[in-house]
């Protein structure tokens, strides 16, 4: 181990910064989450990716911001469609 280290060129923050995604905490109905997990397992994809895809699809069609009530409706519609 060195006596001193040179941190003059060091940068603060995470070593690898994600530019495309942000970590969020949100609450979903158990039924919604279970169905997306099952759908993800069946398709061999992550359930979070499927939720993200469903939200992006809705946003592309919507002209107003998504509120919690609308989000739940969208997720339920996606789950029913997946059957």
PDB file of N, CA and C in Angstrom:
ATOM      1  N   UNK A   1       0.838  -1.173   0.000  1.00  0.00           N
ATOM      2  CA  UNK A   1       0.000   0.000   0.000  1.00  0.00           C
ATOM      3  C   UNK A   1       0.884   1.238   0.000  1.00  0.00           C
ATOM      4  N   UNK A   2       0.483   2.252  -0.771  1.00  0.00           N
ATOM      5  CA  UNK A   2       1.267   3.482  -0.854  1.00  0.00           C
ATOM      6  C   UNK A   2       1.056   4.329   0.392  1.00  0.00           C
ATOM      7  N   UNK A   3       2.022   5.172   0.670  1.00  0.00           N
ATOM      8  CA  UNK A   3       1.905   6.130   1.780  1.00  0.00           C
ATOM      9  C   UNK A   3       0.844   7.175   1.453  1.00  0.00           C
ATOM     10  N   UNK A   4       0.832   7.636   0.179  1.00  0.00           N
ATOM     11  CA  UNK A   4      -0.129   8.652  -0.257  1.00  0.00           C
ATOM     12  C   UNK A   4      -0.669   8.280  -1.627  1.00  0.00           C
ATOM     13  N   UNK A   5      -1.903   8.680  -1.872  1.00  0.00           N
ATOM     14  CA  UNK A   5      -2.531   8.468  -3.168  1.00  0.00           C
ATOM     15  C   UNK A   5      -2.880   9.815  -3.763  1.00  0.00           C
ATOM     16  N   UNK A   6      -2.797   9.917  -5.093  1.00  0.00           N
ATOM     17  CA  UNK A   6      -3.115  11.170  -5.793  1.00  0.00           C
ATOM     18  C   UNK A   6      -4.540  11.089  -6.329  1.00  0.00           C
ATOM     19  N   UNK A   7      -5.423  11.865  -5.711  1.00  0.00           N
ATOM     20  CA  UNK A   7      -6.816  11.908  -6.143  1.00  0.00           C
ATOM     21  C   UNK A   7      -7.142  13.192  -6.900  1.00  0.00           C
ATOM     22  N   UNK A   8      -6.126  13.889  -7.377  1.00  0.00           N
ATOM     23  CA  UNK A   8      -6.351  15.164  -8.053  1.00  0.00           C
ATOM     24  C   UNK A   8      -7.172  15.009  -9.330  1.00  0.00           C
ATOM     25  N   UNK A   9      -7.134  13.852  -9.968  1.00  0.00           N
ATOM     26  CA  UNK A   9      -7.905  13.630 -11.191  1.00  0.00           C
ATOM     27  C   UNK A   9      -9.128  12.754 -10.926  1.00  0.00           C
ATOM     28  N   UNK A  10      -9.426  12.511  -9.667  1.00  0.00           N
ATOM     29  CA  UNK A  10     -10.577  11.687  -9.305  1.00  0.00           C
ATOM     30  C   UNK A  10     -11.891  12.411  -9.535  1.00  0.00           C
ATOM     31  N   UNK A  11     -12.954  11.647  -9.721  1.00  0.00           N
ATOM     32  CA  UNK A  11     -14.293  12.206  -9.930  1.00  0.00           C
ATOM     33  C   UNK A  11     -15.222  11.655  -8.869  1.00  0.00           C
ATOM     34  N   UNK A  12     -16.152  12.491  -8.406  1.00  0.00           N
ATOM     35  CA  UNK A  12     -17.136  12.061  -7.426  1.00  0.00           C
ATOM     36  C   UNK A  12     -18.283  11.338  -8.127  1.00  0.00           C
ATOM     37  N   UNK A  13     -18.969  10.517  -7.374  1.00  0.00           N
ATOM     38  CA  UNK A  13     -20.155   9.864  -7.910  1.00  0.00           C
ATOM     39  C   UNK A  13     -19.907   8.414  -8.273  1.00  0.00           C
ATOM     40  N   UNK A  14     -20.907   7.806  -8.906  1.00  0.00           N
ATOM     41  CA  UNK A  14     -20.794   6.389  -9.248  1.00  0.00           C
ATOM     42  C   UNK A  14     -19.712   6.148 -10.297  1.00  0.00           C
ATOM     43  N   UNK A  15     -19.166   4.956 -10.260  1.00  0.00           N
ATOM     44  CA  UNK A  15     -18.124   4.596 -11.222  1.00  0.00           C
ATOM     45  C   UNK A  15     -18.710   4.534 -12.627  1.00  0.00           C
ATOM     46  N   UNK A  16     -19.859   3.919 -12.766  1.00  0.00           N
ATOM     47  CA  UNK A  16     -20.529   3.836 -14.059  1.00  0.00           C
ATOM     48  C   UNK A  16     -21.868   4.537 -13.940  1.00  0.00           C
ATOM     49  N   UNK A  17     -22.064   5.571 -14.708  1.00  0.00           N
ATOM     50  CA  UNK A  17     -23.303   6.344 -14.653  1.00  0.00           C
ATOM     51  C   UNK A  17     -24.221   5.941 -15.793  1.00  0.00           C
ATOM     52  N   UNK A  18     -25.446   5.587 -15.473  1.00  0.00           N
ATOM     53  CA  UNK A  18     -26.436   5.253 -16.490  1.00  0.00           C
ATOM     54  C   UNK A  18     -27.067   6.540 -16.996  1.00  0.00           C
ATOM     55  N   UNK A  19     -27.042   6.734 -18.288  1.00  0.00           N
ATOM     56  CA  UNK A  19     -27.604   7.958 -18.871  1.00  0.00           C
ATOM     57  C   UNK A  19     -29.025   7.741 -19.370  1.00  0.00           C
ATOM     58  N   UNK A  20     -29.415   6.503 -19.572  1.00  0.00           N
ATOM     59  CA  UNK A  20     -30.696   6.228 -20.200  1.00  0.00           C
ATOM     60  C   UNK A  20     -31.818   5.908 -19.212  1.00  0.00           C
ATOM     61  N   UNK A  21     -31.468   5.512 -17.994  1.00  0.00           N
ATOM     62  CA  UNK A  21     -32.505   5.084 -17.053  1.00  0.00           C
ATOM     63  C   UNK A  21     -32.250   5.663 -15.675  1.00  0.00           C
ATOM     64  N   UNK A  22     -33.334   5.799 -14.912  1.00  0.00           N
ATOM     65  CA  UNK A  22     -33.270   6.298 -13.547  1.00  0.00           C
ATOM     66  C   UNK A  22     -33.956   5.297 -12.634  1.00  0.00           C
ATOM     67  N   UNK A  23     -33.333   5.021 -11.504  1.00  0.00           N
ATOM     68  CA  UNK A  23     -33.924   4.113 -10.530  1.00  0.00           C
ATOM     69  C   UNK A  23     -35.021   4.857  -9.781  1.00  0.00           C
ATOM     70  N   UNK A  24     -36.197   4.238  -9.685  1.00  0.00           N
ATOM     71  CA  UNK A  24     -37.316   4.808  -8.937  1.00  0.00           C
ATOM     72  C   UNK A  24     -37.921   3.733  -8.050  1.00  0.00           C
ATOM     73  N   UNK A  25     -38.611   4.176  -7.021  1.00  0.00           N
ATOM     74  CA  UNK A  25     -39.355   3.268  -6.169  1.00  0.00           C
ATOM     75  C   UNK A  25     -40.828   3.555  -6.397  1.00  0.00           C
ATOM     76  N   UNK A  26     -41.590   2.522  -6.688  1.00  0.00           N
ATOM     77  CA  UNK A  26     -43.028   2.706  -6.890  1.00  0.00           C
ATOM     78  C   UNK A  26     -43.761   1.480  -6.367  1.00  0.00           C
ATOM     79  N   UNK A  27     -44.989   1.687  -5.991  1.00  0.00           N
ATOM     80  CA  UNK A  27     -45.825   0.606  -5.495  1.00  0.00           C
ATOM     81  C   UNK A  27     -46.796   0.179  -6.580  1.00  0.00           C
ATOM     82  N   UNK A  28     -46.855  -1.117  -6.835  1.00  0.00           N
ATOM     83  CA  UNK A  28     -47.785  -1.681  -7.800  1.00  0.00           C
ATOM     84  C   UNK A  28     -48.667  -2.690  -7.083  1.00  0.00           C
ATOM     85  N   UNK A  29     -49.859  -2.876  -7.576  1.00  0.00           N
ATOM     86  CA  UNK A  29     -50.730  -3.909  -7.023  1.00  0.00           C
ATOM     87  C   UNK A  29     -50.045  -5.256  -7.191  1.00  0.00           C
ATOM     88  N   UNK A  30     -50.215  -6.127  -6.210  1.00  0.00           N
ATOM     89  CA  UNK A  30     -49.604  -7.460  -6.271  1.00  0.00           C
ATOM     90  C   UNK A  30     -50.018  -8.202  -7.533  1.00  0.00           C
ATOM     91  N   UNK A  31     -51.276  -8.073  -7.901  1.00  0.00           N
ATOM     92  CA  UNK A  31     -51.794  -8.750  -9.094  1.00  0.00           C
ATOM     93  C   UNK A  31     -51.055  -8.270 -10.345  1.00  0.00           C
ATOM     94  N   UNK A  32     -50.837  -6.984 -10.428  1.00  0.00           N
ATOM     95  CA  UNK A  32     -50.136  -6.412 -11.585  1.00  0.00           C
ATOM     96  C   UNK A  32     -48.713  -6.952 -11.650  1.00  0.00           C
ATOM     97  N   UNK A  33     -48.026  -6.898 -10.546  1.00  0.00           N
ATOM     98  CA  UNK A  33     -46.641  -7.343 -10.498  1.00  0.00           C
ATOM     99  C   UNK A  33     -46.518  -8.837 -10.808  1.00  0.00           C
ATOM    100  N   UNK A  34     -47.380  -9.646 -10.213  1.00  0.00           N
ATOM    101  CA  UNK A  34     -47.342 -11.091 -10.453  1.00  0.00           C
ATOM    102  C   UNK A  34     -47.572 -11.414 -11.926  1.00  0.00           C
ATOM    103  N   UNK A  35     -48.514 -10.702 -12.541  1.00  0.00           N
ATOM    104  CA  UNK A  35     -48.807 -10.966 -13.948  1.00  0.00           C
ATOM    105  C   UNK A  35     -47.656 -10.547 -14.859  1.00  0.00           C
ATOM    106  N   UNK A  36     -47.043  -9.408 -14.584  1.00  0.00           N
ATOM    107  CA  UNK A  36     -45.903  -8.995 -15.402  1.00  0.00           C
ATOM    108  C   UNK A  36     -44.722  -9.953 -15.211  1.00  0.00           C
ATOM    109  N   UNK A  37     -44.532 -10.445 -13.998  1.00  0.00           N
ATOM    110  CA  UNK A  37     -43.457 -11.418 -13.770  1.00  0.00           C
ATOM    111  C   UNK A  37     -43.723 -12.709 -14.540  1.00  0.00           C
ATOM    112  N   UNK A  38     -44.968 -13.171 -14.500  1.00  0.00           N
ATOM    113  CA  UNK A  38     -45.328 -14.394 -15.228  1.00  0.00           C
ATOM    114  C   UNK A  38     -45.153 -14.193 -16.734  1.00  0.00           C
ATOM    115  N   UNK A  39     -45.596 -13.061 -17.224  1.00  0.00           N
ATOM    116  CA  UNK A  39     -45.452 -12.759 -18.654  1.00  0.00           C
ATOM    117  C   UNK A  39     -43.969 -12.687 -19.025  1.00  0.00           C
ATOM    118  N   UNK A  40     -43.172 -12.071 -18.170  1.00  0.00           N
ATOM    119  CA  UNK A  40     -41.737 -11.968 -18.419  1.00  0.00           C
ATOM    120  C   UNK A  40     -41.081 -13.335 -18.456  1.00  0.00           C
ATOM    121  N   UNK A  41     -41.457 -14.216 -17.519  1.00  0.00           N
ATOM    122  CA  UNK A  41     -40.914 -15.577 -17.496  1.00  0.00           C
ATOM    123  C   UNK A  41     -41.279 -16.323 -18.778  1.00  0.00           C
ATOM    124  N   UNK A  42     -42.523 -16.165 -19.206  1.00  0.00           N
ATOM    125  CA  UNK A  42     -42.985 -16.860 -20.413  1.00  0.00           C
ATOM    126  C   UNK A  42     -42.258 -16.366 -21.661  1.00  0.00           C
ATOM    127  N   UNK A  43     -41.955 -15.078 -21.694  1.00  0.00           N
ATOM    128  CA  UNK A  43     -41.290 -14.505 -22.868  1.00  0.00           C
ATOM    129  C   UNK A  43     -39.768 -14.521 -22.761  1.00  0.00           C
ATOM    130  N   UNK A  44     -39.270 -14.853 -21.583  1.00  0.00           N
ATOM    131  CA  UNK A  44     -37.824 -14.838 -21.386  1.00  0.00           C
ATOM    132  C   UNK A  44     -37.261 -13.429 -21.302  1.00  0.00           C
ATOM    133  N   UNK A  45     -38.066 -12.493 -20.817  1.00  0.00           N
ATOM    134  CA  UNK A  45     -37.664 -11.096 -20.669  1.00  0.00           C
ATOM    135  C   UNK A  45     -37.923 -10.668 -19.236  1.00  0.00           C
ATOM    136  N   UNK A  46     -37.293  -9.599 -18.816  1.00  0.00           N
ATOM    137  CA  UNK A  46     -37.494  -9.080 -17.479  1.00  0.00           C
ATOM    138  C   UNK A  46     -38.839  -8.385 -17.333  1.00  0.00           C
ATOM    139  N   UNK A  47     -39.472  -8.555 -16.195  1.00  0.00           N
ATOM    140  CA  UNK A  47     -40.782  -7.942 -15.975  1.00  0.00           C
ATOM    141  C   UNK A  47     -40.689  -6.418 -15.946  1.00  0.00           C
ATOM    142  N   UNK A  48     -39.582  -5.879 -15.452  1.00  0.00           N
ATOM    143  CA  UNK A  48     -39.435  -4.425 -15.419  1.00  0.00           C
ATOM    144  C   UNK A  48     -39.352  -3.868 -16.834  1.00  0.00           C
ATOM    145  N   UNK A  49     -38.712  -4.594 -17.717  1.00  0.00           N
ATOM    146  CA  UNK A  49     -38.639  -4.176 -19.120  1.00  0.00           C
ATOM    147  C   UNK A  49     -40.029  -4.172 -19.734  1.00  0.00           C
ATOM    148  N   UNK A  50     -40.831  -5.177 -19.408  1.00  0.00           N
ATOM    149  CA  UNK A  50     -42.198  -5.230 -19.939  1.00  0.00           C
ATOM    150  C   UNK A  50     -43.045  -4.070 -19.426  1.00  0.00           C
ATOM    151  N   UNK A  51     -42.897  -3.740 -18.147  1.00  0.00           N
ATOM    152  CA  UNK A  51     -43.621  -2.598 -17.584  1.00  0.00           C
ATOM    153  C   UNK A  51     -43.173  -1.319 -18.277  1.00  0.00           C
ATOM    154  N   UNK A  52     -41.867  -1.165 -18.466  1.00  0.00           N
ATOM    155  CA  UNK A  52     -41.325   0.010 -19.138  1.00  0.00           C
ATOM    156  C   UNK A  52     -41.872   0.112 -20.565  1.00  0.00           C
ATOM    157  N   UNK A  53     -41.912  -1.007 -21.285  1.00  0.00           N
ATOM    158  CA  UNK A  53     -42.437  -1.023 -22.650  1.00  0.00           C
ATOM    159  C   UNK A  53     -43.910  -0.623 -22.684  1.00  0.00           C
ATOM    160  N   UNK A  54     -44.696  -1.130 -21.726  1.00  0.00           N
ATOM    161  CA  UNK A  54     -46.122  -0.795 -21.669  1.00  0.00           C
ATOM    162  C   UNK A  54     -46.311   0.696 -21.418  1.00  0.00           C
ATOM    163  N   UNK A  55     -45.491   1.269 -20.547  1.00  0.00           N
ATOM    164  CA  UNK A  55     -45.593   2.700 -20.258  1.00  0.00           C
ATOM    165  C   UNK A  55     -45.172   3.540 -21.461  1.00  0.00           C
ATOM    166  N   UNK A  56     -44.104   3.135 -22.133  1.00  0.00           N
ATOM    167  CA  UNK A  56     -43.657   3.879 -23.314  1.00  0.00           C
ATOM    168  C   UNK A  56     -44.708   3.840 -24.418  1.00  0.00           C
ATOM    169  N   UNK A  57     -45.343   2.688 -24.582  1.00  0.00           N
ATOM    170  CA  UNK A  57     -46.393   2.559 -25.592  1.00  0.00           C
ATOM    171  C   UNK A  57     -47.558   3.498 -25.274  1.00  0.00           C
ATOM    172  N   UNK A  58     -47.930   3.542 -24.010  1.00  0.00           N
ATOM    173  CA  UNK A  58     -49.026   4.424 -23.619  1.00  0.00           C
ATOM    174  C   UNK A  58     -48.656   5.894 -23.829  1.00  0.00           C
ATOM    175  N   UNK A  59     -47.464   6.267 -23.420  1.00  0.00           N
ATOM    176  CA  UNK A  59     -47.020   7.657 -23.551  1.00  0.00           C
ATOM    177  C   UNK A  59     -47.022   8.081 -25.017  1.00  0.00           C
ATOM    178  N   UNK A  60     -46.642   7.168 -25.893  1.00  0.00           N
ATOM    179  CA  UNK A  60     -46.632   7.472 -27.321  1.00  0.00           C
ATOM    180  C   UNK A  60     -48.038   7.794 -27.825  1.00  0.00           C
ATOM    181  N   UNK A  61     -49.043   7.182 -27.217  1.00  0.00           N
ATOM    182  CA  UNK A  61     -50.428   7.388 -27.633  1.00  0.00           C
ATOM    183  C   UNK A  61     -51.115   8.523 -26.870  1.00  0.00           C
ATOM    184  N   UNK A  62     -50.625   8.836 -25.693  1.00  0.00           N
ATOM    185  CA  UNK A  62     -51.305   9.787 -24.808  1.00  0.00           C
ATOM    186  C   UNK A  62     -50.863  11.222 -25.078  1.00  0.00           C
ATOM    187  N   UNK A  63     -51.770  12.137 -24.787  1.00  0.00           N
ATOM    188  CA  UNK A  63     -51.423  13.551 -24.935  1.00  0.00           C
ATOM    189  C   UNK A  63     -51.309  14.257 -23.590  1.00  0.00           C
ATOM    190  N   UNK A  64     -51.697  13.578 -22.516  1.00  0.00           N
ATOM    191  CA  UNK A  64     -51.598  14.184 -21.189  1.00  0.00           C
ATOM    192  C   UNK A  64     -50.741  13.304 -20.284  1.00  0.00           C
ATOM    193  N   UNK A  65     -50.200  13.859 -19.191  1.00  0.00           N
ATOM    194  CA  UNK A  65     -49.342  13.077 -18.290  1.00  0.00           C
ATOM    195  C   UNK A  65     -50.081  11.894 -17.664  1.00  0.00           C
ATOM    196  N   UNK A  66     -49.336  10.882 -17.298  1.00  0.00           N
ATOM    197  CA  UNK A  66     -49.888   9.677 -16.690  1.00  0.00           C
ATOM    198  C   UNK A  66     -49.945   9.854 -15.177  1.00  0.00           C
ATOM    199  N   UNK A  67     -51.142   9.680 -14.597  1.00  0.00           N
ATOM    200  CA  UNK A  67     -51.268   9.715 -13.142  1.00  0.00           C
ATOM    201  C   UNK A  67     -51.356   8.275 -12.631  1.00  0.00           C
ATOM    202  N   UNK A  68     -51.359   8.107 -11.324  1.00  0.00           N
ATOM    203  CA  UNK A  68     -51.341   6.772 -10.721  1.00  0.00           C
ATOM    204  C   UNK A  68     -52.555   5.942 -11.139  1.00  0.00           C
ATOM    205  N   UNK A  69     -53.723   6.570 -11.196  1.00  0.00           N
ATOM    206  CA  UNK A  69     -54.944   5.846 -11.567  1.00  0.00           C
ATOM    207  C   UNK A  69     -54.858   5.337 -13.008  1.00  0.00           C
ATOM    208  N   UNK A  70     -54.378   6.208 -13.899  1.00  0.00           N
ATOM    209  CA  UNK A  70     -54.226   5.833 -15.296  1.00  0.00           C
ATOM    210  C   UNK A  70     -53.177   4.745 -15.456  1.00  0.00           C
ATOM    211  N   UNK A  71     -52.094   4.850 -14.712  1.00  0.00           N
ATOM    212  CA  UNK A  71     -51.034   3.851 -14.764  1.00  0.00           C
ATOM    213  C   UNK A  71     -51.576   2.469 -14.398  1.00  0.00           C
ATOM    214  N   UNK A  72     -52.368   2.390 -13.336  1.00  0.00           N
ATOM    215  CA  UNK A  72     -52.943   1.107 -12.946  1.00  0.00           C
ATOM    216  C   UNK A  72     -53.857   0.557 -14.039  1.00  0.00           C
ATOM    217  N   UNK A  73     -54.648   1.440 -14.656  1.00  0.00           N
ATOM    218  CA  UNK A  73     -55.550   1.013 -15.734  1.00  0.00           C
ATOM    219  C   UNK A  73     -54.748   0.465 -16.919  1.00  0.00           C
ATOM    220  N   UNK A  74     -53.683   1.159 -17.276  1.00  0.00           N
ATOM    221  CA  UNK A  74     -52.848   0.724 -18.396  1.00  0.00           C
ATOM    222  C   UNK A  74     -52.265  -0.654 -18.116  1.00  0.00           C
ATOM    223  N   UNK A  75     -51.715  -0.823 -16.932  1.00  0.00           N
ATOM    224  CA  UNK A  75     -51.094  -2.094 -16.583  1.00  0.00           C
ATOM    225  C   UNK A  75     -52.116  -3.224 -16.596  1.00  0.00           C
ATOM    226  N   UNK A  76     -53.319  -2.962 -16.100  1.00  0.00           N
ATOM    227  CA  UNK A  76     -54.365  -3.998 -16.113  1.00  0.00           C
ATOM    228  C   UNK A  76     -54.753  -4.368 -17.544  1.00  0.00           C
ATOM    229  N   UNK A  77     -54.888  -3.340 -18.416  1.00  0.00           N
ATOM    230  CA  UNK A  77     -55.231  -3.597 -19.814  1.00  0.00           C
ATOM    231  C   UNK A  77     -54.156  -4.449 -20.484  1.00  0.00           C
ATOM    232  N   UNK A  78     -52.916  -4.154 -20.221  1.00  0.00           N
ATOM    233  CA  UNK A  78     -51.810  -4.922 -20.807  1.00  0.00           C
ATOM    234  C   UNK A  78     -51.855  -6.370 -20.327  1.00  0.00           C
ATOM    235  N   UNK A  79     -52.159  -6.554 -19.047  1.00  0.00           N
ATOM    236  CA  UNK A  79     -52.205  -7.906 -18.509  1.00  0.00           C
ATOM    237  C   UNK A  79     -53.373  -8.706 -19.105  1.00  0.00           C
ATOM    238  N   UNK A  80     -54.519  -8.047 -19.277  1.00  0.00           N
ATOM    239  CA  UNK A  80     -55.668  -8.728 -19.875  1.00  0.00           C
ATOM    240  C   UNK A  80     -55.363  -9.110 -21.311  1.00  0.00           C
ATOM    241  N   UNK A  81     -54.695  -8.225 -22.034  1.00  0.00           N
ATOM    242  CA  UNK A  81     -54.365  -8.486 -23.437  1.00  0.00           C
ATOM    243  C   UNK A  81     -53.394  -9.663 -23.555  1.00  0.00           C
ATOM    244  N   UNK A  82     -52.510  -9.784 -22.561  1.00  0.00           N
ATOM    245  CA  UNK A  82     -51.534 -10.867 -22.591  1.00  0.00           C
ATOM    246  C   UNK A  82     -52.179 -12.209 -22.247  1.00  0.00           C
ATOM    247  N   UNK A  83     -53.305 -12.108 -21.519  1.00  0.00           N
ATOM    248  CA  UNK A  83     -54.102 -13.273 -21.171  1.00  0.00           C
ATOM    249  C   UNK A  83     -53.361 -14.304 -20.465  1.00  0.00           C
TER     250      UNK A  83
END
